[in-house]
Amino acid sequence: MTACLMVGATMLALTSPNFTLRWTHSVEKIEWRESYHITAKTLTLTRAAIKGSGAGMEPADTAKLENGWWVWHPMTQLPALTLAASGATGAGWQLCTPDCQTLGQSPGQPITLKPCP
C-alpha cells in the first residue's frame, strides 16, 4: 500500500502509510521518535519514544521503559503536523519510511506535514 504526504509544498509518495519522525531535542540533546499512520484526512500518532526526560520532554503517564526508551502509544489524530526549522539541533528532523530524509536542518520557515489532498 502506498501513501502520499505533503511536506510543505512538496508531495512525497511513500511506499507505506506509516512513517517515523526522529530528532534531537534542542536543549536536552536527547533523541525523540514519533511514529505516524497516514489516512485520507489525518496523521495518527501511533507511538512515541524518548531516550530520557527533561525540559518539555516528560514521557506520558502510560509510558513503559523498553531497552532504555520511554515508549507509549498516544493514538492522537492530527489534521497536520507543523515542525520548527530552527537549525538549533544541527540535524533537523529525520522522516523515515524506513529510508530517512532530513527536513529542516537549516533555519527557515516551519514545515507542515499533512495527508495529500
PDB file of N, CA and C in Angstrom:
ATOM      1  N   MET A   1       0.848  -1.184   0.000  1.00  0.00           N
ATOM      2  CA  MET A   1       0.000   0.000   0.000  1.00  0.00           C
ATOM      3  C   MET A   1       0.890   1.243   0.000  1.00  0.00           C
ATOM      4  N   THR A   2       0.560   2.206  -0.816  1.00  0.00           N
ATOM      5  CA  THR A   2       1.311   3.452  -0.855  1.00  0.00           C
ATOM      6  C   THR A   2       0.512   4.552  -0.172  1.00  0.00           C
ATOM      7  N   ALA A   3       1.179   5.635   0.117  1.00  0.00           N
ATOM      8  CA  ALA A   3       0.535   6.782   0.753  1.00  0.00           C
ATOM      9  C   ALA A   3       1.201   8.038   0.231  1.00  0.00           C
ATOM     10  N   CYS A   4       0.552   9.158   0.456  1.00  0.00           N
ATOM     11  CA  CYS A   4       1.068  10.437  -0.004  1.00  0.00           C
ATOM     12  C   CYS A   4       1.110  11.390   1.182  1.00  0.00           C
ATOM     13  N   LEU A   5       2.198  12.133   1.280  1.00  0.00           N
ATOM     14  CA  LEU A   5       2.382  13.082   2.373  1.00  0.00           C
ATOM     15  C   LEU A   5       2.839  14.406   1.790  1.00  0.00           C
ATOM     16  N   MET A   6       2.174  15.474   2.172  1.00  0.00           N
ATOM     17  CA  MET A   6       2.601  16.813   1.782  1.00  0.00           C
ATOM     18  C   MET A   6       3.633  17.285   2.803  1.00  0.00           C
ATOM     19  N   VAL A   7       4.797  17.704   2.311  1.00  0.00           N
ATOM     20  CA  VAL A   7       5.855  18.268   3.152  1.00  0.00           C
ATOM     21  C   VAL A   7       6.033  19.692   2.657  1.00  0.00           C
ATOM     22  N   GLY A   8       5.360  20.635   3.336  1.00  0.00           N
ATOM     23  CA  GLY A   8       5.302  21.994   2.814  1.00  0.00           C
ATOM     24  C   GLY A   8       4.547  21.949   1.493  1.00  0.00           C
ATOM     25  N   ALA A   9       5.148  22.449   0.416  1.00  0.00           N
ATOM     26  CA  ALA A   9       4.518  22.443  -0.905  1.00  0.00           C
ATOM     27  C   ALA A   9       4.930  21.233  -1.737  1.00  0.00           C
ATOM     28  N   THR A  10       5.737  20.335  -1.169  1.00  0.00           N
ATOM     29  CA  THR A  10       6.228  19.166  -1.894  1.00  0.00           C
ATOM     30  C   THR A  10       5.384  17.945  -1.561  1.00  0.00           C
ATOM     31  N   MET A  11       5.005  17.192  -2.592  1.00  0.00           N
ATOM     32  CA  MET A  11       4.238  15.978  -2.403  1.00  0.00           C
ATOM     33  C   MET A  11       5.191  14.783  -2.432  1.00  0.00           C
ATOM     34  N   LEU A  12       5.166  13.963  -1.377  1.00  0.00           N
ATOM     35  CA  LEU A  12       6.006  12.766  -1.315  1.00  0.00           C
ATOM     36  C   LEU A  12       5.138  11.530  -1.467  1.00  0.00           C
ATOM     37  N   ALA A  13       5.513  10.639  -2.372  1.00  0.00           N
ATOM     38  CA  ALA A  13       4.862   9.337  -2.479  1.00  0.00           C
ATOM     39  C   ALA A  13       5.637   8.382  -1.579  1.00  0.00           C
ATOM     40  N   LEU A  14       4.949   7.767  -0.640  1.00  0.00           N
ATOM     41  CA  LEU A  14       5.582   6.854   0.305  1.00  0.00           C
ATOM     42  C   LEU A  14       5.182   5.419  -0.024  1.00  0.00           C
ATOM     43  N   THR A  15       6.059   4.474   0.256  1.00  0.00           N
ATOM     44  CA  THR A  15       5.773   3.071  -0.022  1.00  0.00           C
ATOM     45  C   THR A  15       4.859   2.443   1.021  1.00  0.00           C
ATOM     46  N   SER A  16       4.591   3.166   2.087  1.00  0.00           N
ATOM     47  CA  SER A  16       3.765   2.669   3.183  1.00  0.00           C
ATOM     48  C   SER A  16       3.000   3.843   3.783  1.00  0.00           C
ATOM     49  N   PRO A  17       1.840   3.589   4.399  1.00  0.00           N
ATOM     50  CA  PRO A  17       1.129   4.678   5.070  1.00  0.00           C
ATOM     51  C   PRO A  17       1.713   5.011   6.443  1.00  0.00           C
ATOM     52  N   ASN A  18       2.859   4.429   6.762  1.00  0.00           N
ATOM     53  CA  ASN A  18       3.490   4.655   8.065  1.00  0.00           C
ATOM     54  C   ASN A  18       4.837   5.341   7.899  1.00  0.00           C
ATOM     55  N   PHE A  19       5.140   6.261   8.818  1.00  0.00           N
ATOM     56  CA  PHE A  19       6.456   6.891   8.823  1.00  0.00           C
ATOM     57  C   PHE A  19       6.832   7.230  10.258  1.00  0.00           C
ATOM     58  N   THR A  20       8.121   7.444  10.469  1.00  0.00           N
ATOM     59  CA  THR A  20       8.634   7.823  11.782  1.00  0.00           C
ATOM     60  C   THR A  20       9.413   9.121  11.656  1.00  0.00           C
ATOM     61  N   LEU A  21       9.190  10.027  12.594  1.00  0.00           N
ATOM     62  CA  LEU A  21       9.996  11.243  12.712  1.00  0.00           C
ATOM     63  C   LEU A  21      10.993  11.026  13.839  1.00  0.00           C
ATOM     64  N   ARG A  22      12.251  11.387  13.593  1.00  0.00           N
ATOM     65  CA  ARG A  22      13.305  11.297  14.610  1.00  0.00           C
ATOM     66  C   ARG A  22      13.973  12.654  14.706  1.00  0.00           C
ATOM     67  N   TRP A  23      14.281  13.073  15.918  1.00  0.00           N
ATOM     68  CA  TRP A  23      15.006  14.327  16.092  1.00  0.00           C
ATOM     69  C   TRP A  23      15.675  14.349  17.455  1.00  0.00           C
ATOM     70  N   THR A  24      16.562  15.312  17.629  1.00  0.00           N
ATOM     71  CA  THR A  24      17.237  15.528  18.904  1.00  0.00           C
ATOM     72  C   THR A  24      16.703  16.817  19.509  1.00  0.00           C
ATOM     73  N   HIS A  25      16.281  16.757  20.764  1.00  0.00           N
ATOM     74  CA  HIS A  25      15.757  17.932  21.462  1.00  0.00           C
ATOM     75  C   HIS A  25      16.838  19.008  21.499  1.00  0.00           C
ATOM     76  N   SER A  26      16.477  20.239  21.155  1.00  0.00           N
ATOM     77  CA  SER A  26      17.468  21.313  21.012  1.00  0.00           C
ATOM     78  C   SER A  26      18.136  21.720  22.328  1.00  0.00           C
ATOM     79  N   VAL A  27      17.468  21.520  23.461  1.00  0.00           N
ATOM     80  CA  VAL A  27      18.046  21.898  24.751  1.00  0.00           C
ATOM     81  C   VAL A  27      18.665  20.687  25.450  1.00  0.00           C
ATOM     82  N   GLU A  28      17.898  19.617  25.580  1.00  0.00           N
ATOM     83  CA  GLU A  28      18.339  18.444  26.340  1.00  0.00           C
ATOM     84  C   GLU A  28      19.272  17.522  25.555  1.00  0.00           C
ATOM     85  N   LYS A  29      19.293  17.661  24.217  1.00  0.00           N
ATOM     86  CA  LYS A  29      20.134  16.810  23.350  1.00  0.00           C
ATOM     87  C   LYS A  29      19.799  15.328  23.525  1.00  0.00           C
ATOM     88  N   ILE A  30      18.517  15.035  23.689  1.00  0.00           N
ATOM     89  CA  ILE A  30      18.013  13.675  23.855  1.00  0.00           C
ATOM     90  C   ILE A  30      17.192  13.324  22.622  1.00  0.00           C
ATOM     91  N   GLU A  31      17.348  12.079  22.132  1.00  0.00           N
ATOM     92  CA  GLU A  31      16.622  11.660  20.929  1.00  0.00           C
ATOM     93  C   GLU A  31      15.156  11.386  21.238  1.00  0.00           C
ATOM     94  N   TRP A  32      14.317  11.757  20.274  1.00  0.00           N
ATOM     95  CA  TRP A  32      12.874  11.577  20.358  1.00  0.00           C
ATOM     96  C   TRP A  32      12.433  10.955  19.045  1.00  0.00           C
ATOM     97  N   ARG A  33      11.477  10.017  19.105  1.00  0.00           N
ATOM     98  CA  ARG A  33      10.928   9.380  17.904  1.00  0.00           C
ATOM     99  C   ARG A  33       9.416   9.314  18.018  1.00  0.00           C
ATOM    100  N   GLU A  34       8.745   9.633  16.920  1.00  0.00           N
ATOM    101  CA  GLU A  34       7.292   9.502  16.859  1.00  0.00           C
ATOM    102  C   GLU A  34       6.931   8.780  15.573  1.00  0.00           C
ATOM    103  N   SER A  35       6.041   7.786  15.678  1.00  0.00           N
ATOM    104  CA  SER A  35       5.577   7.037  14.513  1.00  0.00           C
ATOM    105  C   SER A  35       4.142   7.434  14.202  1.00  0.00           C
ATOM    106  N   TYR A  36       3.862   7.600  12.913  1.00  0.00           N
ATOM    107  CA  TYR A  36       2.555   8.061  12.443  1.00  0.00           C
ATOM    108  C   TYR A  36       1.990   7.117  11.393  1.00  0.00           C
ATOM    109  N   HIS A  37       0.660   7.089  11.308  1.00  0.00           N
ATOM    110  CA  HIS A  37      -0.062   6.379  10.255  1.00  0.00           C
ATOM    111  C   HIS A  37      -0.866   7.425   9.489  1.00  0.00           C
ATOM    112  N   ILE A  38      -0.742   7.421   8.160  1.00  0.00           N
ATOM    113  CA  ILE A  38      -1.439   8.390   7.308  1.00  0.00           C
ATOM    114  C   ILE A  38      -2.772   7.804   6.863  1.00  0.00           C
ATOM    115  N   THR A  39      -3.847   8.572   7.057  1.00  0.00           N
ATOM    116  CA  THR A  39      -5.147   8.227   6.484  1.00  0.00           C
ATOM    117  C   THR A  39      -5.508   9.338   5.504  1.00  0.00           C
ATOM    118  N   ALA A  40      -6.689   9.270   4.932  1.00  0.00           N
ATOM    119  CA  ALA A  40      -7.093  10.265   3.934  1.00  0.00           C
ATOM    120  C   ALA A  40      -7.091  11.687   4.492  1.00  0.00           C
ATOM    121  N   LYS A  41      -7.409  11.844   5.782  1.00  0.00           N
ATOM    122  CA  LYS A  41      -7.543  13.191   6.339  1.00  0.00           C
ATOM    123  C   LYS A  41      -6.705  13.466   7.576  1.00  0.00           C
ATOM    124  N   THR A  42      -6.056  12.451   8.121  1.00  0.00           N
ATOM    125  CA  THR A  42      -5.325  12.673   9.372  1.00  0.00           C
ATOM    126  C   THR A  42      -3.974  11.963   9.396  1.00  0.00           C
ATOM    127  N   LEU A  43      -3.160  12.403  10.328  1.00  0.00           N
ATOM    128  CA  LEU A  43      -1.947  11.706  10.729  1.00  0.00           C
ATOM    129  C   LEU A  43      -2.232  11.200  12.139  1.00  0.00           C
ATOM    130  N   THR A  44      -2.130   9.903  12.359  1.00  0.00           N
ATOM    131  CA  THR A  44      -2.372   9.343  13.683  1.00  0.00           C
ATOM    132  C   THR A  44      -1.035   9.018  14.329  1.00  0.00           C
ATOM    133  N   LEU A  45      -0.780   9.628  15.482  1.00  0.00           N
ATOM    134  CA  LEU A  45       0.433   9.364  16.253  1.00  0.00           C
ATOM    135  C   LEU A  45       0.245   8.024  16.957  1.00  0.00           C
ATOM    136  N   THR A  46       0.912   6.973  16.447  1.00  0.00           N
ATOM    137  CA  THR A  46       0.714   5.622  16.960  1.00  0.00           C
ATOM    138  C   THR A  46       1.705   5.233  18.051  1.00  0.00           C
ATOM    139  N   ARG A  47       2.881   5.873  18.060  1.00  0.00           N
ATOM    140  CA  ARG A  47       3.915   5.504  19.035  1.00  0.00           C
ATOM    141  C   ARG A  47       4.831   6.700  19.265  1.00  0.00           C
ATOM    142  N   ALA A  48       5.203   6.920  20.510  1.00  0.00           N
ATOM    143  CA  ALA A  48       6.182   7.950  20.856  1.00  0.00           C
ATOM    144  C   ALA A  48       7.236   7.301  21.738  1.00  0.00           C
ATOM    145  N   ALA A  49       8.494   7.713  21.553  1.00  0.00           N
ATOM    146  CA  ALA A  49       9.582   7.153  22.354  1.00  0.00           C
ATOM    147  C   ALA A  49      10.647   8.219  22.574  1.00  0.00           C
ATOM    148  N   ILE A  50      11.134   8.319  23.814  1.00  0.00           N
ATOM    149  CA  ILE A  50      12.233   9.233  24.121  1.00  0.00           C
ATOM    150  C   ILE A  50      13.278   8.494  24.950  1.00  0.00           C
ATOM    151  N   LYS A  51      14.527   8.912  24.787  1.00  0.00           N
ATOM    152  CA  LYS A  51      15.665   8.280  25.464  1.00  0.00           C
ATOM    153  C   LYS A  51      15.853   8.770  26.897  1.00  0.00           C
ATOM    154  N   GLY A  52      15.084   9.748  27.318  1.00  0.00           N
ATOM    155  CA  GLY A  52      15.200  10.285  28.666  1.00  0.00           C
ATOM    156  C   GLY A  52      14.104  11.304  28.872  1.00  0.00           C
ATOM    157  N   SER A  53      14.258  12.156  29.847  1.00  0.00           N
ATOM    158  CA  SER A  53      13.275  13.216  30.052  1.00  0.00           C
ATOM    159  C   SER A  53      14.022  14.491  30.409  1.00  0.00           C
ATOM    160  N   GLY A  54      13.312  15.597  30.321  1.00  0.00           N
ATOM    161  CA  GLY A  54      13.920  16.884  30.606  1.00  0.00           C
ATOM    162  C   GLY A  54      12.968  17.988  30.232  1.00  0.00           C
ATOM    163  N   ALA A  55      13.492  19.157  29.931  1.00  0.00           N
ATOM    164  CA  ALA A  55      12.705  20.356  29.634  1.00  0.00           C
ATOM    165  C   ALA A  55      11.673  20.092  28.539  1.00  0.00           C
ATOM    166  N   GLY A  56      10.406  19.971  28.931  1.00  0.00           N
ATOM    167  CA  GLY A  56       9.327  19.768  27.971  1.00  0.00           C
ATOM    168  C   GLY A  56       9.321  18.395  27.328  1.00  0.00           C
ATOM    169  N   MET A  57       9.973  17.421  27.932  1.00  0.00           N
ATOM    170  CA  MET A  57      10.105  16.096  27.333  1.00  0.00           C
ATOM    171  C   MET A  57       9.646  14.985  28.269  1.00  0.00           C
ATOM    172  N   GLU A  58       8.655  15.227  29.068  1.00  0.00           N
ATOM    173  CA  GLU A  58       8.223  14.217  30.012  1.00  0.00           C
ATOM    174  C   GLU A  58       7.462  13.110  29.285  1.00  0.00           C
ATOM    175  N   PRO A  59       7.782  11.843  29.580  1.00  0.00           N
ATOM    176  CA  PRO A  59       7.010  10.755  28.984  1.00  0.00           C
ATOM    177  C   PRO A  59       5.591  10.749  29.544  1.00  0.00           C
ATOM    178  N   ALA A  60       4.671  10.177  28.786  1.00  0.00           N
ATOM    179  CA  ALA A  60       3.281  10.082  29.235  1.00  0.00           C
ATOM    180  C   ALA A  60       3.186   9.185  30.461  1.00  0.00           C
ATOM    181  N   ASP A  61       2.109   9.342  31.224  1.00  0.00           N
ATOM    182  CA  ASP A  61       1.888   8.503  32.407  1.00  0.00           C
ATOM    183  C   ASP A  61       1.816   7.022  32.043  1.00  0.00           C
ATOM    184  N   THR A  62       1.405   6.721  30.818  1.00  0.00           N
ATOM    185  CA  THR A  62       1.264   5.331  30.369  1.00  0.00           C
ATOM    186  C   THR A  62       2.555   4.759  29.786  1.00  0.00           C
ATOM    187  N   ALA A  63       3.627   5.546  29.751  1.00  0.00           N
ATOM    188  CA  ALA A  63       4.888   5.102  29.138  1.00  0.00           C
ATOM    189  C   ALA A  63       5.508   3.948  29.916  1.00  0.00           C
ATOM    190  N   LYS A  64       6.140   3.064  29.163  1.00  0.00           N
ATOM    191  CA  LYS A  64       6.872   1.933  29.734  1.00  0.00           C
ATOM    192  C   LYS A  64       8.319   2.037  29.280  1.00  0.00           C
ATOM    193  N   LEU A  65       9.250   1.668  30.138  1.00  0.00           N
ATOM    194  CA  LEU A  65      10.666   1.684  29.802  1.00  0.00           C
ATOM    195  C   LEU A  65      11.008   0.411  29.026  1.00  0.00           C
ATOM    196  N   GLU A  66      11.459   0.577  27.762  1.00  0.00           N
ATOM    197  CA  GLU A  66      11.806  -0.545  26.892  1.00  0.00           C
ATOM    198  C   GLU A  66      13.193  -0.314  26.310  1.00  0.00           C
ATOM    199  N   ASN A  67      14.165  -1.109  26.723  1.00  0.00           N
ATOM    200  CA  ASN A  67      15.534  -1.015  26.195  1.00  0.00           C
ATOM    201  C   ASN A  67      16.096   0.406  26.263  1.00  0.00           C
ATOM    202  N   GLY A  68      15.855   1.099  27.367  1.00  0.00           N
ATOM    203  CA  GLY A  68      16.385   2.444  27.560  1.00  0.00           C
ATOM    204  C   GLY A  68      15.535   3.560  26.968  1.00  0.00           C
ATOM    205  N   TRP A  69      14.397   3.231  26.359  1.00  0.00           N
ATOM    206  CA  TRP A  69      13.486   4.218  25.769  1.00  0.00           C
ATOM    207  C   TRP A  69      12.176   4.226  26.553  1.00  0.00           C
ATOM    208  N   TRP A  70      11.648   5.419  26.834  1.00  0.00           N
ATOM    209  CA  TRP A  70      10.293   5.540  27.358  1.00  0.00           C
ATOM    210  C   TRP A  70       9.359   5.493  26.157  1.00  0.00           C
ATOM    211  N   VAL A  71       8.442   4.530  26.124  1.00  0.00           N
ATOM    212  CA  VAL A  71       7.582   4.289  24.964  1.00  0.00           C
ATOM    213  C   VAL A  71       6.120   4.329  25.392  1.00  0.00           C
ATOM    214  N   TRP A  72       5.279   4.979  24.579  1.00  0.00           N
ATOM    215  CA  TRP A  72       3.835   4.983  24.798  1.00  0.00           C
ATOM    216  C   TRP A  72       3.130   5.105  23.456  1.00  0.00           C
ATOM    217  N   HIS A  73       1.811   4.877  23.468  1.00  0.00           N
ATOM    218  CA  HIS A  73       1.010   4.822  22.244  1.00  0.00           C
ATOM    219  C   HIS A  73      -0.164   5.800  22.356  1.00  0.00           C
ATOM    220  N   PRO A  74       0.050   7.073  21.980  1.00  0.00           N
ATOM    221  CA  PRO A  74      -0.979   8.107  22.170  1.00  0.00           C
ATOM    222  C   PRO A  74      -2.241   7.931  21.326  1.00  0.00           C
ATOM    223  N   MET A  75      -2.116   7.447  20.086  1.00  0.00           N
ATOM    224  CA  MET A  75      -3.225   7.295  19.140  1.00  0.00           C
ATOM    225  C   MET A  75      -3.958   8.623  18.896  1.00  0.00           C
ATOM    226  N   THR A  76      -3.227   9.708  18.910  1.00  0.00           N
ATOM    227  CA  THR A  76      -3.758  11.048  18.673  1.00  0.00           C
ATOM    228  C   THR A  76      -3.881  11.295  17.175  1.00  0.00           C
ATOM    229  N   GLN A  77      -5.053  11.782  16.731  1.00  0.00           N
ATOM    230  CA  GLN A  77      -5.266  12.097  15.318  1.00  0.00           C
ATOM    231  C   GLN A  77      -5.086  13.590  15.092  1.00  0.00           C
ATOM    232  N   LEU A  78      -4.287  13.935  14.083  1.00  0.00           N
ATOM    233  CA  LEU A  78      -3.992  15.329  13.758  1.00  0.00           C
ATOM    234  C   LEU A  78      -4.280  15.586  12.284  1.00  0.00           C
ATOM    235  N   PRO A  79      -4.877  16.739  11.935  1.00  0.00           N
ATOM    236  CA  PRO A  79      -5.059  17.059  10.519  1.00  0.00           C
ATOM    237  C   PRO A  79      -3.736  17.420   9.850  1.00  0.00           C
ATOM    238  N   ALA A  80      -2.793  17.934  10.629  1.00  0.00           N
ATOM    239  CA  ALA A  80      -1.477  18.338  10.114  1.00  0.00           C
ATOM    240  C   ALA A  80      -0.512  18.403  11.292  1.00  0.00           C
ATOM    241  N   LEU A  81       0.761  18.403  10.967  1.00  0.00           N
ATOM    242  CA  LEU A  81       1.812  18.480  11.975  1.00  0.00           C
ATOM    243  C   LEU A  81       2.808  19.528  11.509  1.00  0.00           C
ATOM    244  N   THR A  82       3.068  20.540  12.331  1.00  0.00           N
ATOM    245  CA  THR A  82       3.998  21.606  11.965  1.00  0.00           C
ATOM    246  C   THR A  82       5.301  21.431  12.730  1.00  0.00           C
ATOM    247  N   LEU A  83       6.404  21.390  11.980  1.00  0.00           N
ATOM    248  CA  LEU A  83       7.740  21.196  12.544  1.00  0.00           C
ATOM    249  C   LEU A  83       8.511  22.503  12.485  1.00  0.00           C
ATOM    250  N   ALA A  84       9.151  22.869  13.572  1.00  0.00           N
ATOM    251  CA  ALA A  84      10.018  24.048  13.575  1.00  0.00           C
ATOM    252  C   ALA A  84      11.280  23.731  12.784  1.00  0.00           C
ATOM    253  N   ALA A  85      11.797  24.706  12.095  1.00  0.00           N
ATOM    254  CA  ALA A  85      13.062  24.562  11.361  1.00  0.00           C
ATOM    255  C   ALA A  85      14.033  25.584  11.935  1.00  0.00           C
ATOM    256  N   SER A  86      14.445  25.353  13.186  1.00  0.00           N
ATOM    257  CA  SER A  86      15.273  26.328  13.895  1.00  0.00           C
ATOM    258  C   SER A  86      16.750  26.236  13.537  1.00  0.00           C
ATOM    259  N   GLY A  87      17.189  25.047  13.111  1.00  0.00           N
ATOM    260  CA  GLY A  87      18.611  24.838  12.873  1.00  0.00           C
ATOM    261  C   GLY A  87      19.388  24.667  14.165  1.00  0.00           C
ATOM    262  N   ALA A  88      18.712  24.704  15.324  1.00  0.00           N
ATOM    263  CA  ALA A  88      19.386  24.666  16.627  1.00  0.00           C
ATOM    264  C   ALA A  88      19.911  23.289  17.006  1.00  0.00           C
ATOM    265  N   THR A  89      19.368  22.230  16.402  1.00  0.00           N
ATOM    266  CA  THR A  89      19.810  20.889  16.790  1.00  0.00           C
ATOM    267  C   THR A  89      20.991  20.414  15.958  1.00  0.00           C
ATOM    268  N   GLY A  90      21.234  21.053  14.822  1.00  0.00           N
ATOM    269  CA  GLY A  90      22.326  20.644  13.948  1.00  0.00           C
ATOM    270  C   GLY A  90      21.980  19.486  13.045  1.00  0.00           C
ATOM    271  N   ALA A  91      20.830  18.850  13.272  1.00  0.00           N
ATOM    272  CA  ALA A  91      20.497  17.674  12.479  1.00  0.00           C
ATOM    273  C   ALA A  91      19.122  17.743  11.831  1.00  0.00           C
ATOM    274  N   GLY A  92      18.277  18.664  12.221  1.00  0.00           N
ATOM    275  CA  GLY A  92      16.930  18.733  11.666  1.00  0.00           C
ATOM    276  C   GLY A  92      16.093  17.539  12.090  1.00  0.00           C
ATOM    277  N   TRP A  93      15.084  17.255  11.301  1.00  0.00           N
ATOM    278  CA  TRP A  93      14.163  16.150  11.530  1.00  0.00           C
ATOM    279  C   TRP A  93      14.488  15.055  10.529  1.00  0.00           C
ATOM    280  N   GLN A  94      14.431  13.805  10.945  1.00  0.00           N
ATOM    281  CA  GLN A  94      14.585  12.673  10.039  1.00  0.00           C
ATOM    282  C   GLN A  94      13.202  12.079   9.808  1.00  0.00           C
ATOM    283  N   LEU A  95      12.738  12.060   8.541  1.00  0.00           N
ATOM    284  CA  LEU A  95      11.484  11.422   8.178  1.00  0.00           C
ATOM    285  C   LEU A  95      11.860  10.078   7.571  1.00  0.00           C
ATOM    286  N   CYS A  96      11.452   8.987   8.228  1.00  0.00           N
ATOM    287  CA  CYS A  96      11.892   7.645   7.840  1.00  0.00           C
ATOM    288  C   CYS A  96      10.709   6.772   7.441  1.00  0.00           C
ATOM    289  N   THR A  97      10.913   6.003   6.328  1.00  0.00           N
ATOM    290  CA  THR A  97       9.819   5.186   5.787  1.00  0.00           C
ATOM    291  C   THR A  97      10.199   3.788   5.312  1.00  0.00           C
ATOM    292  N   PRO A  98      11.212   3.056   5.561  1.00  0.00           N
ATOM    293  CA  PRO A  98      12.238   3.206   6.568  1.00  0.00           C
ATOM    294  C   PRO A  98      13.435   4.043   6.132  1.00  0.00           C
ATOM    295  N   ASP A  99      13.664   4.251   4.813  1.00  0.00           N
ATOM    296  CA  ASP A  99      14.762   5.145   4.421  1.00  0.00           C
ATOM    297  C   ASP A  99      14.469   6.537   4.950  1.00  0.00           C
ATOM    298  N   CYS A 100      15.509   7.242   5.367  1.00  0.00           N
ATOM    299  CA  CYS A 100      15.319   8.546   6.011  1.00  0.00           C
ATOM    300  C   CYS A 100      15.767   9.694   5.122  1.00  0.00           C
ATOM    301  N   GLN A 101      15.056  10.798   5.237  1.00  0.00           N
ATOM    302  CA  GLN A 101      15.477  12.048   4.612  1.00  0.00           C
ATOM    303  C   GLN A 101      15.378  13.150   5.654  1.00  0.00           C
ATOM    304  N   THR A 102      16.266  14.132   5.547  1.00  0.00           N
ATOM    305  CA  THR A 102      16.341  15.209   6.530  1.00  0.00           C
ATOM    306  C   THR A 102      15.451  16.367   6.117  1.00  0.00           C
ATOM    307  N   LEU A 103      14.707  16.898   7.086  1.00  0.00           N
ATOM    308  CA  LEU A 103      13.864  18.081   6.903  1.00  0.00           C
ATOM    309  C   LEU A 103      14.305  19.133   7.910  1.00  0.00           C
ATOM    310  N   GLY A 104      14.303  20.397   7.524  1.00  0.00           N
ATOM    311  CA  GLY A 104      14.525  21.498   8.461  1.00  0.00           C
ATOM    312  C   GLY A 104      15.874  21.530   9.140  1.00  0.00           C
ATOM    313  N   GLN A 105      16.918  21.103   8.458  1.00  0.00           N
ATOM    314  CA  GLN A 105      18.250  21.129   9.072  1.00  0.00           C
ATOM    315  C   GLN A 105      18.771  22.555   9.226  1.00  0.00           C
ATOM    316  N   SER A 106      18.439  23.414   8.273  1.00  0.00           N
ATOM    317  CA  SER A 106      18.862  24.818   8.321  1.00  0.00           C
ATOM    318  C   SER A 106      17.713  25.678   8.830  1.00  0.00           C
ATOM    319  N   PRO A 107      18.016  26.809   9.470  1.00  0.00           N
ATOM    320  CA  PRO A 107      16.952  27.698   9.928  1.00  0.00           C
ATOM    321  C   PRO A 107      16.080  28.139   8.753  1.00  0.00           C
ATOM    322  N   GLY A 108      14.783  28.164   8.984  1.00  0.00           N
ATOM    323  CA  GLY A 108      13.857  28.575   7.933  1.00  0.00           C
ATOM    324  C   GLY A 108      12.433  28.556   8.441  1.00  0.00           C
ATOM    325  N   GLN A 109      11.505  28.609   7.510  1.00  0.00           N
ATOM    326  CA  GLN A 109      10.087  28.594   7.840  1.00  0.00           C
ATOM    327  C   GLN A 109       9.693  27.235   8.419  1.00  0.00           C
ATOM    328  N   PRO A 110       8.667  27.202   9.274  1.00  0.00           N
ATOM    329  CA  PRO A 110       8.166  25.915   9.763  1.00  0.00           C
ATOM    330  C   PRO A 110       7.740  25.031   8.587  1.00  0.00           C
ATOM    331  N   ILE A 111       7.790  23.731   8.790  1.00  0.00           N
ATOM    332  CA  ILE A 111       7.431  22.756   7.764  1.00  0.00           C
ATOM    333  C   ILE A 111       6.160  22.053   8.225  1.00  0.00           C
ATOM    334  N   THR A 112       5.133  22.033   7.378  1.00  0.00           N
ATOM    335  CA  THR A 112       3.882  21.376   7.724  1.00  0.00           C
ATOM    336  C   THR A 112       3.776  20.050   6.987  1.00  0.00           C
ATOM    337  N   LEU A 113       3.479  18.988   7.741  1.00  0.00           N
ATOM    338  CA  LEU A 113       3.231  17.667   7.180  1.00  0.00           C
ATOM    339  C   LEU A 113       1.733  17.406   7.254  1.00  0.00           C
ATOM    340  N   LYS A 114       1.148  16.889   6.173  1.00  0.00           N
ATOM    341  CA  LYS A 114      -0.276  16.551   6.180  1.00  0.00           C
ATOM    342  C   LYS A 114      -0.552  15.564   5.055  1.00  0.00           C
ATOM    343  N   PRO A 115      -1.675  14.824   5.155  1.00  0.00           N
ATOM    344  CA  PRO A 115      -2.025  13.926   4.062  1.00  0.00           C
ATOM    345  C   PRO A 115      -2.258  14.728   2.780  1.00  0.00           C
ATOM    346  N   CYS A 116      -1.977  14.110   1.637  1.00  0.00           N
ATOM    347  CA  CYS A 116      -2.214  14.792   0.356  1.00  0.00           C
ATOM    348  C   CYS A 116      -3.712  14.976   0.142  1.00  0.00           C
ATOM    349  N   PRO A 117      -4.066  16.039  -0.577  1.00  0.00           N
ATOM    350  CA  PRO A 117      -5.494  16.263  -0.847  1.00  0.00           C
ATOM    351  C   PRO A 117      -6.038  15.233  -1.828  1.00  0.00           C
TER     352      PRO A 117
END
